[in-house]
């Protein structure tokens, strides 16, 4: 993930949950400590995150319709899910991801 992609993700996640996200909010989602986390996010918006934080953000990105559901989470295209139910199940999954983003932001 590059810096501009992280900036875009910040806007897209904000759109997905219905409110804009600050650098401190993104730090919470990345699992960064409260002190200095926002500064790290601002640096990453130039250089891009790496390691576990980048992977965590890729997972959180699934809350937005603008990002694909990662293959290891995509259980919707299996033979045991009727085709006419797949889209509803994908949307249900994305809504659960949005709830998870909101929950993580509410934690202090």
PDB file of N, CA and C in Angstrom:
ATOM      1  N   UNK A   1       0.857  -1.173   0.000  1.00  0.00           N
ATOM      2  CA  UNK A   1       0.000   0.000   0.000  1.00  0.00           C
ATOM      3  C   UNK A   1       0.902   1.235   0.000  1.00  0.00           C
ATOM      4  N   UNK A   2       0.608   2.138  -0.896  1.00  0.00           N
ATOM      5  CA  UNK A   2       1.390   3.372  -0.993  1.00  0.00           C
ATOM      6  C   UNK A   2       0.760   4.462  -0.124  1.00  0.00           C
ATOM      7  N   UNK A   3       1.477   5.565   0.023  1.00  0.00           N
ATOM      8  CA  UNK A   3       0.951   6.692   0.778  1.00  0.00           C
ATOM      9  C   UNK A   3      -0.351   7.231   0.207  1.00  0.00           C
ATOM     10  N   UNK A   4      -0.402   7.512  -1.117  1.00  0.00           N
ATOM     11  CA  UNK A   4      -1.666   7.984  -1.692  1.00  0.00           C
ATOM     12  C   UNK A   4      -2.814   6.974  -1.542  1.00  0.00           C
ATOM     13  N   UNK A   5      -2.502   5.692  -1.606  1.00  0.00           N
ATOM     14  CA  UNK A   5      -3.542   4.675  -1.399  1.00  0.00           C
ATOM     15  C   UNK A   5      -4.068   4.733   0.033  1.00  0.00           C
ATOM     16  N   UNK A   6      -3.191   4.984   0.989  1.00  0.00           N
ATOM     17  CA  UNK A   6      -3.624   5.114   2.383  1.00  0.00           C
ATOM     18  C   UNK A   6      -4.521   6.336   2.544  1.00  0.00           C
ATOM     19  N   UNK A   7      -4.173   7.435   1.917  1.00  0.00           N
ATOM     20  CA  UNK A   7      -5.028   8.636   1.967  1.00  0.00           C
ATOM     21  C   UNK A   7      -6.408   8.325   1.390  1.00  0.00           C
ATOM     22  N   UNK A   8      -6.431   7.637   0.263  1.00  0.00           N
ATOM     23  CA  UNK A   8      -7.691   7.264  -0.383  1.00  0.00           C
ATOM     24  C   UNK A   8      -8.498   6.339   0.520  1.00  0.00           C
ATOM     25  N   UNK A   9      -7.812   5.390   1.158  1.00  0.00           N
ATOM     26  CA  UNK A   9      -8.488   4.471   2.074  1.00  0.00           C
ATOM     27  C   UNK A   9      -9.123   5.234   3.230  1.00  0.00           C
ATOM     28  N   UNK A  10      -8.443   6.206   3.744  1.00  0.00           N
ATOM     29  CA  UNK A  10      -8.982   7.023   4.841  1.00  0.00           C
ATOM     30  C   UNK A  10     -10.298   7.668   4.424  1.00  0.00           C
ATOM     31  N   UNK A  11     -10.330   8.232   3.235  1.00  0.00           N
ATOM     32  CA  UNK A  11     -11.570   8.850   2.726  1.00  0.00           C
ATOM     33  C   UNK A  11     -12.648   7.801   2.466  1.00  0.00           C
ATOM     34  N   UNK A  12     -12.254   6.670   1.873  1.00  0.00           N
ATOM     35  CA  UNK A  12     -13.232   5.631   1.542  1.00  0.00           C
ATOM     36  C   UNK A  12     -13.847   4.994   2.788  1.00  0.00           C
ATOM     37  N   UNK A  13     -13.029   4.756   3.803  1.00  0.00           N
ATOM     38  CA  UNK A  13     -13.577   4.199   5.049  1.00  0.00           C
ATOM     39  C   UNK A  13     -14.503   5.208   5.722  1.00  0.00           C
ATOM     40  N   UNK A  14     -14.137   6.472   5.659  1.00  0.00           N
ATOM     41  CA  UNK A  14     -15.017   7.507   6.203  1.00  0.00           C
ATOM     42  C   UNK A  14     -16.365   7.513   5.505  1.00  0.00           C
ATOM     43  N   UNK A  15     -16.341   7.404   4.181  1.00  0.00           N
ATOM     44  CA  UNK A  15     -17.592   7.331   3.420  1.00  0.00           C
ATOM     45  C   UNK A  15     -18.394   6.092   3.812  1.00  0.00           C
ATOM     46  N   UNK A  16     -17.709   4.982   4.005  1.00  0.00           N
ATOM     47  CA  UNK A  16     -18.389   3.717   4.312  1.00  0.00           C
ATOM     48  C   UNK A  16     -19.112   3.769   5.657  1.00  0.00           C
ATOM     49  N   UNK A  17     -18.517   4.452   6.632  1.00  0.00           N
ATOM     50  CA  UNK A  17     -19.149   4.487   7.959  1.00  0.00           C
ATOM     51  C   UNK A  17     -19.921   5.774   8.215  1.00  0.00           C
ATOM     52  N   UNK A  18     -19.873   6.700   7.268  1.00  0.00           N
ATOM     53  CA  UNK A  18     -20.696   7.895   7.369  1.00  0.00           C
ATOM     54  C   UNK A  18     -20.095   9.043   8.155  1.00  0.00           C
ATOM     55  N   UNK A  19     -18.782   9.055   8.320  1.00  0.00           N
ATOM     56  CA  UNK A  19     -18.127  10.191   8.971  1.00  0.00           C
ATOM     57  C   UNK A  19     -16.674  10.242   8.544  1.00  0.00           C
ATOM     58  N   UNK A  20     -16.108  11.430   8.544  1.00  0.00           N
ATOM     59  CA  UNK A  20     -14.710  11.540   8.128  1.00  0.00           C
ATOM     60  C   UNK A  20     -13.800  11.004   9.229  1.00  0.00           C
ATOM     61  N   UNK A  21     -12.657  10.485   8.818  1.00  0.00           N
ATOM     62  CA  UNK A  21     -11.709   9.906   9.753  1.00  0.00           C
ATOM     63  C   UNK A  21     -10.473  10.785   9.873  1.00  0.00           C
ATOM     64  N   UNK A  22     -10.019  10.976  11.083  1.00  0.00           N
ATOM     65  CA  UNK A  22      -8.801  11.741  11.337  1.00  0.00           C
ATOM     66  C   UNK A  22      -7.599  10.803  11.284  1.00  0.00           C
ATOM     67  N   UNK A  23      -6.428  11.392  11.336  1.00  0.00           N
ATOM     68  CA  UNK A  23      -5.207  10.576  11.391  1.00  0.00           C
ATOM     69  C   UNK A  23      -5.209   9.742  12.673  1.00  0.00           C
ATOM     70  N   UNK A  24      -5.723  10.296  13.763  1.00  0.00           N
ATOM     71  CA  UNK A  24      -5.802   9.545  15.024  1.00  0.00           C
ATOM     72  C   UNK A  24      -6.747   8.352  14.888  1.00  0.00           C
ATOM     73  N   UNK A  25      -7.848   8.519  14.153  1.00  0.00           N
ATOM     74  CA  UNK A  25      -8.769   7.408  13.903  1.00  0.00           C
ATOM     75  C   UNK A  25      -8.072   6.297  13.127  1.00  0.00           C
ATOM     76  N   UNK A  26      -7.327   6.686  12.106  1.00  0.00           N
ATOM     77  CA  UNK A  26      -6.603   5.693  11.312  1.00  0.00           C
ATOM     78  C   UNK A  26      -5.546   4.984  12.153  1.00  0.00           C
ATOM     79  N   UNK A  27      -4.944   5.716  13.087  1.00  0.00           N
ATOM     80  CA  UNK A  27      -3.961   5.102  13.984  1.00  0.00           C
ATOM     81  C   UNK A  27      -4.623   4.013  14.826  1.00  0.00           C
ATOM     82  N   UNK A  28      -5.840   4.290  15.319  1.00  0.00           N
ATOM     83  CA  UNK A  28      -6.580   3.277  16.085  1.00  0.00           C
ATOM     84  C   UNK A  28      -6.835   2.042  15.231  1.00  0.00           C
ATOM     85  N   UNK A  29      -7.271   2.260  13.995  1.00  0.00           N
ATOM     86  CA  UNK A  29      -7.563   1.134  13.111  1.00  0.00           C
ATOM     87  C   UNK A  29      -6.317   0.333  12.765  1.00  0.00           C
ATOM     88  N   UNK A  30      -5.173   0.992  12.787  1.00  0.00           N
ATOM     89  CA  UNK A  30      -3.908   0.332  12.467  1.00  0.00           C
ATOM     90  C   UNK A  30      -3.300  -0.364  13.670  1.00  0.00           C
ATOM     91  N   UNK A  31      -3.873  -0.131  14.851  1.00  0.00           N
ATOM     92  CA  UNK A  31      -3.324  -0.723  16.053  1.00  0.00           C
ATOM     93  C   UNK A  31      -2.128   0.033  16.607  1.00  0.00           C
ATOM     94  N   UNK A  32      -1.970   1.287  16.209  1.00  0.00           N
ATOM     95  CA  UNK A  32      -0.860   2.097  16.705  1.00  0.00           C
ATOM     96  C   UNK A  32      -1.200   2.671  18.082  1.00  0.00           C
ATOM     97  N   UNK A  33      -0.183   2.966  18.895  1.00  0.00           N
ATOM     98  CA  UNK A  33      -0.453   3.540  20.213  1.00  0.00           C
ATOM     99  C   UNK A  33      -1.026   4.953  20.080  1.00  0.00           C
ATOM    100  N   UNK A  34      -1.847   5.371  21.052  1.00  0.00           N
ATOM    101  CA  UNK A  34      -2.456   6.706  20.983  1.00  0.00           C
ATOM    102  C   UNK A  34      -1.428   7.836  20.890  1.00  0.00           C
ATOM    103  N   UNK A  35      -0.352   7.711  21.635  1.00  0.00           N
ATOM    104  CA  UNK A  35       0.663   8.753  21.591  1.00  0.00           C
ATOM    105  C   UNK A  35       1.569   8.527  20.385  1.00  0.00           C
ATOM    106  N   UNK A  36       1.536   9.468  19.468  1.00  0.00           N
ATOM    107  CA  UNK A  36       2.381   9.385  18.276  1.00  0.00           C
ATOM    108  C   UNK A  36       1.782   8.636  17.107  1.00  0.00           C
ATOM    109  N   UNK A  37       0.656   7.990  17.310  1.00  0.00           N
ATOM    110  CA  UNK A  37       0.036   7.213  16.231  1.00  0.00           C
ATOM    111  C   UNK A  37      -0.405   8.070  15.057  1.00  0.00           C
ATOM    112  N   UNK A  38      -0.984   9.233  15.355  1.00  0.00           N
ATOM    113  CA  UNK A  38      -1.445  10.128  14.290  1.00  0.00           C
ATOM    114  C   UNK A  38      -0.263  10.636  13.468  1.00  0.00           C
ATOM    115  N   UNK A  39       0.859  10.905  14.131  1.00  0.00           N
ATOM    116  CA  UNK A  39       2.056  11.345  13.401  1.00  0.00           C
ATOM    117  C   UNK A  39       2.556  10.256  12.466  1.00  0.00           C
ATOM    118  N   UNK A  40       2.497   9.021  12.939  1.00  0.00           N
ATOM    119  CA  UNK A  40       2.912   7.894  12.101  1.00  0.00           C
ATOM    120  C   UNK A  40       2.020   7.777  10.877  1.00  0.00           C
ATOM    121  N   UNK A  41       0.721   7.941  11.064  1.00  0.00           N
ATOM    122  CA  UNK A  41      -0.217   7.880   9.935  1.00  0.00           C
ATOM    123  C   UNK A  41       0.115   8.973   8.927  1.00  0.00           C
ATOM    124  N   UNK A  42       0.376  10.183   9.392  1.00  0.00           N
ATOM    125  CA  UNK A  42       0.714  11.275   8.468  1.00  0.00           C
ATOM    126  C   UNK A  42       1.985  10.947   7.673  1.00  0.00           C
ATOM    127  N   UNK A  43       2.954  10.326   8.317  1.00  0.00           N
ATOM    128  CA  UNK A  43       4.177   9.898   7.607  1.00  0.00           C
ATOM    129  C   UNK A  43       3.838   8.822   6.588  1.00  0.00           C
ATOM    130  N   UNK A  44       2.996   7.869   6.997  1.00  0.00           N
ATOM    131  CA  UNK A  44       2.621   6.787   6.083  1.00  0.00           C
ATOM    132  C   UNK A  44       1.828   7.297   4.896  1.00  0.00           C
ATOM    133  N   UNK A  45       1.130   8.413   5.058  1.00  0.00           N
ATOM    134  CA  UNK A  45       0.378   8.965   3.933  1.00  0.00           C
ATOM    135  C   UNK A  45       1.315   9.505   2.863  1.00  0.00           C
ATOM    136  N   UNK A  46       2.597   9.554   3.149  1.00  0.00           N
ATOM    137  CA  UNK A  46       3.615   9.918   2.171  1.00  0.00           C
ATOM    138  C   UNK A  46       4.349   8.661   1.703  1.00  0.00           C
ATOM    139  N   UNK A  47       4.811   7.861   2.672  1.00  0.00           N
ATOM    140  CA  UNK A  47       5.655   6.703   2.345  1.00  0.00           C
ATOM    141  C   UNK A  47       4.891   5.396   2.202  1.00  0.00           C
ATOM    142  N   UNK A  48       3.746   5.281   2.848  1.00  0.00           N
ATOM    143  CA  UNK A  48       2.981   4.043   2.839  1.00  0.00           C
ATOM    144  C   UNK A  48       3.326   3.168   4.029  1.00  0.00           C
ATOM    145  N   UNK A  49       2.324   2.476   4.591  1.00  0.00           N
ATOM    146  CA  UNK A  49       2.570   1.574   5.717  1.00  0.00           C
ATOM    147  C   UNK A  49       3.166   0.258   5.230  1.00  0.00           C
ATOM    148  N   UNK A  50       3.707  -0.498   6.166  1.00  0.00           N
ATOM    149  CA  UNK A  50       4.222  -1.815   5.815  1.00  0.00           C
ATOM    150  C   UNK A  50       3.941  -2.768   6.966  1.00  0.00           C
ATOM    151  N   UNK A  51       4.230  -4.018   6.744  1.00  0.00           N
ATOM    152  CA  UNK A  51       4.106  -5.025   7.788  1.00  0.00           C
ATOM    153  C   UNK A  51       2.689  -5.257   8.257  1.00  0.00           C
ATOM    154  N   UNK A  52       2.547  -5.569   9.552  1.00  0.00           N
ATOM    155  CA  UNK A  52       1.235  -5.908  10.108  1.00  0.00           C
ATOM    156  C   UNK A  52       0.206  -4.785   9.978  1.00  0.00           C
ATOM    157  N   UNK A  53       0.658  -3.535  10.080  1.00  0.00           N
ATOM    158  CA  UNK A  53      -0.289  -2.419   9.966  1.00  0.00           C
ATOM    159  C   UNK A  53      -0.897  -2.366   8.573  1.00  0.00           C
ATOM    160  N   UNK A  54      -0.084  -2.583   7.547  1.00  0.00           N
ATOM    161  CA  UNK A  54      -0.593  -2.575   6.175  1.00  0.00           C
ATOM    162  C   UNK A  54      -1.613  -3.694   5.976  1.00  0.00           C
ATOM    163  N   UNK A  55      -1.320  -4.864   6.537  1.00  0.00           N
ATOM    164  CA  UNK A  55      -2.258  -5.983   6.410  1.00  0.00           C
ATOM    165  C   UNK A  55      -3.558  -5.686   7.151  1.00  0.00           C
ATOM    166  N   UNK A  56      -3.467  -5.102   8.333  1.00  0.00           N
ATOM    167  CA  UNK A  56      -4.659  -4.735   9.097  1.00  0.00           C
ATOM    168  C   UNK A  56      -5.523  -3.756   8.305  1.00  0.00           C
ATOM    169  N   UNK A  57      -4.893  -2.792   7.670  1.00  0.00           N
ATOM    170  CA  UNK A  57      -5.636  -1.807   6.884  1.00  0.00           C
ATOM    171  C   UNK A  57      -6.268  -2.434   5.644  1.00  0.00           C
ATOM    172  N   UNK A  58      -5.605  -3.400   5.036  1.00  0.00           N
ATOM    173  CA  UNK A  58      -6.205  -4.105   3.895  1.00  0.00           C
ATOM    174  C   UNK A  58      -7.474  -4.835   4.312  1.00  0.00           C
ATOM    175  N   UNK A  59      -7.458  -5.387   5.508  1.00  0.00           N
ATOM    176  CA  UNK A  59      -8.645  -6.077   6.019  1.00  0.00           C
ATOM    177  C   UNK A  59      -9.749  -5.070   6.302  1.00  0.00           C
ATOM    178  N   UNK A  60      -9.411  -3.966   6.952  1.00  0.00           N
ATOM    179  CA  UNK A  60     -10.408  -2.931   7.252  1.00  0.00           C
ATOM    180  C   UNK A  60     -10.993  -2.330   5.969  1.00  0.00           C
ATOM    181  N   UNK A  61     -10.215  -2.310   4.902  1.00  0.00           N
ATOM    182  CA  UNK A  61     -10.669  -1.735   3.632  1.00  0.00           C
ATOM    183  C   UNK A  61     -11.902  -2.447   3.091  1.00  0.00           C
ATOM    184  N   UNK A  62     -12.096  -3.696   3.471  1.00  0.00           N
ATOM    185  CA  UNK A  62     -13.251  -4.447   2.973  1.00  0.00           C
ATOM    186  C   UNK A  62     -14.570  -3.861   3.455  1.00  0.00           C
ATOM    187  N   UNK A  63     -14.539  -2.934   4.396  1.00  0.00           N
ATOM    188  CA  UNK A  63     -15.762  -2.255   4.834  1.00  0.00           C
ATOM    189  C   UNK A  63     -16.320  -1.362   3.731  1.00  0.00           C
ATOM    190  N   UNK A  64     -15.463  -0.961   2.806  1.00  0.00           N
ATOM    191  CA  UNK A  64     -15.870  -0.081   1.708  1.00  0.00           C
ATOM    192  C   UNK A  64     -16.150  -0.901   0.452  1.00  0.00           C
ATOM    193  N   UNK A  65     -17.184  -0.497  -0.269  1.00  0.00           N
ATOM    194  CA  UNK A  65     -17.516  -1.163  -1.534  1.00  0.00           C
ATOM    195  C   UNK A  65     -16.453  -0.931  -2.598  1.00  0.00           C
ATOM    196  N   UNK A  66     -15.562   0.011  -2.378  1.00  0.00           N
ATOM    197  CA  UNK A  66     -14.533   0.335  -3.372  1.00  0.00           C
ATOM    198  C   UNK A  66     -13.358  -0.635  -3.351  1.00  0.00           C
ATOM    199  N   UNK A  67     -13.342  -1.555  -2.394  1.00  0.00           N
ATOM    200  CA  UNK A  67     -12.237  -2.502  -2.261  1.00  0.00           C
ATOM    201  C   UNK A  67     -12.773  -3.918  -2.353  1.00  0.00           C
ATOM    202  N   UNK A  68     -12.006  -4.809  -2.971  1.00  0.00           N
ATOM    203  CA  UNK A  68     -12.485  -6.180  -3.099  1.00  0.00           C
ATOM    204  C   UNK A  68     -12.448  -6.903  -1.758  1.00  0.00           C
ATOM    205  N   UNK A  69     -13.299  -7.891  -1.642  1.00  0.00           N
ATOM    206  CA  UNK A  69     -13.223  -8.778  -0.485  1.00  0.00           C
ATOM    207  C   UNK A  69     -12.041  -9.705  -0.745  1.00  0.00           C
ATOM    208  N   UNK A  70     -11.102  -9.729   0.180  1.00  0.00           N
ATOM    209  CA  UNK A  70      -9.895 -10.528  -0.001  1.00  0.00           C
ATOM    210  C   UNK A  70     -10.236 -11.999  -0.150  1.00  0.00           C
ATOM    211  N   UNK A  71      -9.455 -12.684  -0.943  1.00  0.00           N
ATOM    212  CA  UNK A  71      -9.742 -14.075  -1.282  1.00  0.00           C
ATOM    213  C   UNK A  71      -9.918 -14.963  -0.053  1.00  0.00           C
ATOM    214  N   UNK A  72      -9.087 -14.768   0.956  1.00  0.00           N
ATOM    215  CA  UNK A  72      -9.194 -15.639   2.131  1.00  0.00           C
ATOM    216  C   UNK A  72     -10.459 -15.371   2.950  1.00  0.00           C
ATOM    217  N   UNK A  73     -11.149 -14.263   2.684  1.00  0.00           N
ATOM    218  CA  UNK A  73     -12.413 -13.961   3.358  1.00  0.00           C
ATOM    219  C   UNK A  73     -13.625 -14.238   2.458  1.00  0.00           C
ATOM    220  N   UNK A  74     -13.375 -14.520   1.194  1.00  0.00           N
ATOM    221  CA  UNK A  74     -14.463 -14.681   0.240  1.00  0.00           C
ATOM    222  C   UNK A  74     -15.009 -16.102   0.273  1.00  0.00           C
ATOM    223  N   UNK A  75     -16.003 -16.304   1.100  1.00  0.00           N
ATOM    224  CA  UNK A  75     -16.662 -17.603   1.182  1.00  0.00           C
ATOM    225  C   UNK A  75     -18.004 -17.577   0.444  1.00  0.00           C
ATOM    226  N   UNK A  76     -18.244 -16.490  -0.274  1.00  0.00           N
ATOM    227  CA  UNK A  76     -19.554 -16.286  -0.890  1.00  0.00           C
ATOM    228  C   UNK A  76     -19.699 -16.954  -2.240  1.00  0.00           C
ATOM    229  N   UNK A  77     -18.596 -17.271  -2.878  1.00  0.00           N
ATOM    230  CA  UNK A  77     -18.660 -17.880  -4.201  1.00  0.00           C
ATOM    231  C   UNK A  77     -18.515 -19.400  -4.147  1.00  0.00           C
ATOM    232  N   UNK A  78     -18.725 -19.966  -2.982  1.00  0.00           N
ATOM    233  CA  UNK A  78     -18.638 -21.410  -2.832  1.00  0.00           C
ATOM    234  C   UNK A  78     -19.878 -22.087  -3.395  1.00  0.00           C
ATOM    235  N   UNK A  79     -19.720 -23.360  -3.674  1.00  0.00           N
ATOM    236  CA  UNK A  79     -20.818 -24.135  -4.256  1.00  0.00           C
ATOM    237  C   UNK A  79     -22.015 -24.237  -3.310  1.00  0.00           C
ATOM    238  N   UNK A  80     -21.791 -24.145  -1.999  1.00  0.00           N
ATOM    239  CA  UNK A  80     -22.896 -24.324  -1.053  1.00  0.00           C
ATOM    240  C   UNK A  80     -23.681 -23.043  -0.775  1.00  0.00           C
ATOM    241  N   UNK A  81     -23.328 -21.947  -1.429  1.00  0.00           N
ATOM    242  CA  UNK A  81     -24.075 -20.693  -1.320  1.00  0.00           C
ATOM    243  C   UNK A  81     -24.821 -20.484  -2.641  1.00  0.00           C
ATOM    244  N   UNK A  82     -26.145 -20.517  -2.607  1.00  0.00           N
ATOM    245  CA  UNK A  82     -26.898 -20.304  -3.848  1.00  0.00           C
ATOM    246  C   UNK A  82     -26.544 -18.954  -4.480  1.00  0.00           C
ATOM    247  N   UNK A  83     -26.445 -18.931  -5.795  1.00  0.00           N
ATOM    248  CA  UNK A  83     -26.046 -17.715  -6.507  1.00  0.00           C
ATOM    249  C   UNK A  83     -26.937 -16.528  -6.185  1.00  0.00           C
ATOM    250  N   UNK A  84     -28.220 -16.765  -6.013  1.00  0.00           N
ATOM    251  CA  UNK A  84     -29.134 -15.655  -5.746  1.00  0.00           C
ATOM    252  C   UNK A  84     -28.971 -15.068  -4.349  1.00  0.00           C
ATOM    253  N   UNK A  85     -28.189 -15.699  -3.468  1.00  0.00           N
ATOM    254  CA  UNK A  85     -27.952 -15.184  -2.128  1.00  0.00           C
ATOM    255  C   UNK A  85     -26.566 -14.555  -1.962  1.00  0.00           C
ATOM    256  N   UNK A  86     -25.708 -14.708  -2.931  1.00  0.00           N
ATOM    257  CA  UNK A  86     -24.312 -14.284  -2.791  1.00  0.00           C
ATOM    258  C   UNK A  86     -24.166 -12.781  -2.591  1.00  0.00           C
ATOM    259  N   UNK A  87     -24.856 -12.003  -3.362  1.00  0.00           N
ATOM    260  CA  UNK A  87     -24.721 -10.545  -3.241  1.00  0.00           C
ATOM    261  C   UNK A  87     -25.204 -10.060  -1.875  1.00  0.00           C
ATOM    262  N   UNK A  88     -26.303 -10.605  -1.394  1.00  0.00           N
ATOM    263  CA  UNK A  88     -26.813 -10.216  -0.076  1.00  0.00           C
ATOM    264  C   UNK A  88     -25.825 -10.609   1.019  1.00  0.00           C
ATOM    265  N   UNK A  89     -25.207 -11.745   0.875  1.00  0.00           N
ATOM    266  CA  UNK A  89     -24.214 -12.181   1.869  1.00  0.00           C
ATOM    267  C   UNK A  89     -22.965 -11.308   1.826  1.00  0.00           C
ATOM    268  N   UNK A  90     -22.557 -10.897   0.636  1.00  0.00           N
ATOM    269  CA  UNK A  90     -21.408  -9.979   0.528  1.00  0.00           C
ATOM    270  C   UNK A  90     -21.725  -8.658   1.233  1.00  0.00           C
ATOM    271  N   UNK A  91     -22.911  -8.129   1.002  1.00  0.00           N
ATOM    272  CA  UNK A  91     -23.304  -6.868   1.625  1.00  0.00           C
ATOM    273  C   UNK A  91     -23.407  -7.021   3.143  1.00  0.00           C
ATOM    274  N   UNK A  92     -23.911  -8.149   3.604  1.00  0.00           N
ATOM    275  CA  UNK A  92     -23.971  -8.417   5.043  1.00  0.00           C
ATOM    276  C   UNK A  92     -22.552  -8.442   5.639  1.00  0.00           C
ATOM    277  N   UNK A  93     -21.616  -9.048   4.922  1.00  0.00           N
ATOM    278  CA  UNK A  93     -20.226  -9.091   5.362  1.00  0.00           C
ATOM    279  C   UNK A  93     -19.644  -7.680   5.449  1.00  0.00           C
ATOM    280  N   UNK A  94     -19.876  -6.874   4.422  1.00  0.00           N
ATOM    281  CA  UNK A  94     -19.352  -5.501   4.429  1.00  0.00           C
ATOM    282  C   UNK A  94     -19.952  -4.693   5.580  1.00  0.00           C
ATOM    283  N   UNK A  95     -21.216  -4.898   5.854  1.00  0.00           N
ATOM    284  CA  UNK A  95     -21.843  -4.181   6.973  1.00  0.00           C
ATOM    285  C   UNK A  95     -21.220  -4.612   8.299  1.00  0.00           C
ATOM    286  N   UNK A  96     -20.896  -5.880   8.437  1.00  0.00           N
ATOM    287  CA  UNK A  96     -20.208  -6.340   9.653  1.00  0.00           C
ATOM    288  C   UNK A  96     -18.825  -5.710   9.755  1.00  0.00           C
ATOM    289  N   UNK A  97     -18.157  -5.551   8.628  1.00  0.00           N
ATOM    290  CA  UNK A  97     -16.844  -4.897   8.635  1.00  0.00           C
ATOM    291  C   UNK A  97     -16.993  -3.426   9.035  1.00  0.00           C
ATOM    292  N   UNK A  98     -18.036  -2.765   8.557  1.00  0.00           N
ATOM    293  CA  UNK A  98     -18.283  -1.372   8.943  1.00  0.00           C
ATOM    294  C   UNK A  98     -18.525  -1.272  10.445  1.00  0.00           C
ATOM    295  N   UNK A  99     -19.306  -2.222  10.977  1.00  0.00           N
ATOM    296  CA  UNK A  99     -19.550  -2.245  12.415  1.00  0.00           C
ATOM    297  C   UNK A  99     -18.245  -2.447  13.183  1.00  0.00           C
ATOM    298  N   UNK A 100     -17.368  -3.284  12.661  1.00  0.00           N
ATOM    299  CA  UNK A 100     -16.076  -3.517  13.303  1.00  0.00           C
ATOM    300  C   UNK A 100     -15.229  -2.246  13.295  1.00  0.00           C
ATOM    301  N   UNK A 101     -15.240  -1.519  12.193  1.00  0.00           N
ATOM    302  CA  UNK A 101     -14.508  -0.250  12.129  1.00  0.00           C
ATOM    303  C   UNK A 101     -15.060   0.713  13.174  1.00  0.00           C
ATOM    304  N   UNK A 102     -16.369   0.830  13.233  1.00  0.00           N
ATOM    305  CA  UNK A 102     -16.992   1.723  14.223  1.00  0.00           C
ATOM    306  C   UNK A 102     -16.641   1.304  15.646  1.00  0.00           C
ATOM    307  N   UNK A 103     -16.673  -0.001  15.917  1.00  0.00           N
ATOM    308  CA  UNK A 103     -16.361  -0.509  17.239  1.00  0.00           C
ATOM    309  C   UNK A 103     -14.926  -0.184  17.641  1.00  0.00           C
ATOM    310  N   UNK A 104     -13.997  -0.367  16.707  1.00  0.00           N
ATOM    311  CA  UNK A 104     -12.597  -0.061  16.991  1.00  0.00           C
ATOM    312  C   UNK A 104     -12.380   1.427  17.248  1.00  0.00           C
ATOM    313  N   UNK A 105     -13.146   2.252  16.574  1.00  0.00           N
ATOM    314  CA  UNK A 105     -13.000   3.696  16.764  1.00  0.00           C
ATOM    315  C   UNK A 105     -13.589   4.149  18.102  1.00  0.00           C
ATOM    316  N   UNK A 106     -14.588   3.450  18.600  1.00  0.00           N
ATOM    317  CA  UNK A 106     -15.219   3.812  19.860  1.00  0.00           C
ATOM    318  C   UNK A 106     -14.361   3.435  21.058  1.00  0.00           C
ATOM    319  N   UNK A 107     -13.521   2.421  20.889  1.00  0.00           N
ATOM    320  CA  UNK A 107     -12.647   2.002  21.995  1.00  0.00           C
ATOM    321  C   UNK A 107     -11.671   3.112  22.352  1.00  0.00           C
ATOM    322  N   UNK A 108     -11.425   3.247  23.601  1.00  0.00           N
ATOM    323  CA  UNK A 108     -10.463   4.265  24.041  1.00  0.00           C
ATOM    324  C   UNK A 108      -9.104   3.673  24.263  1.00  0.00           C
TER     325      UNK A 108
END
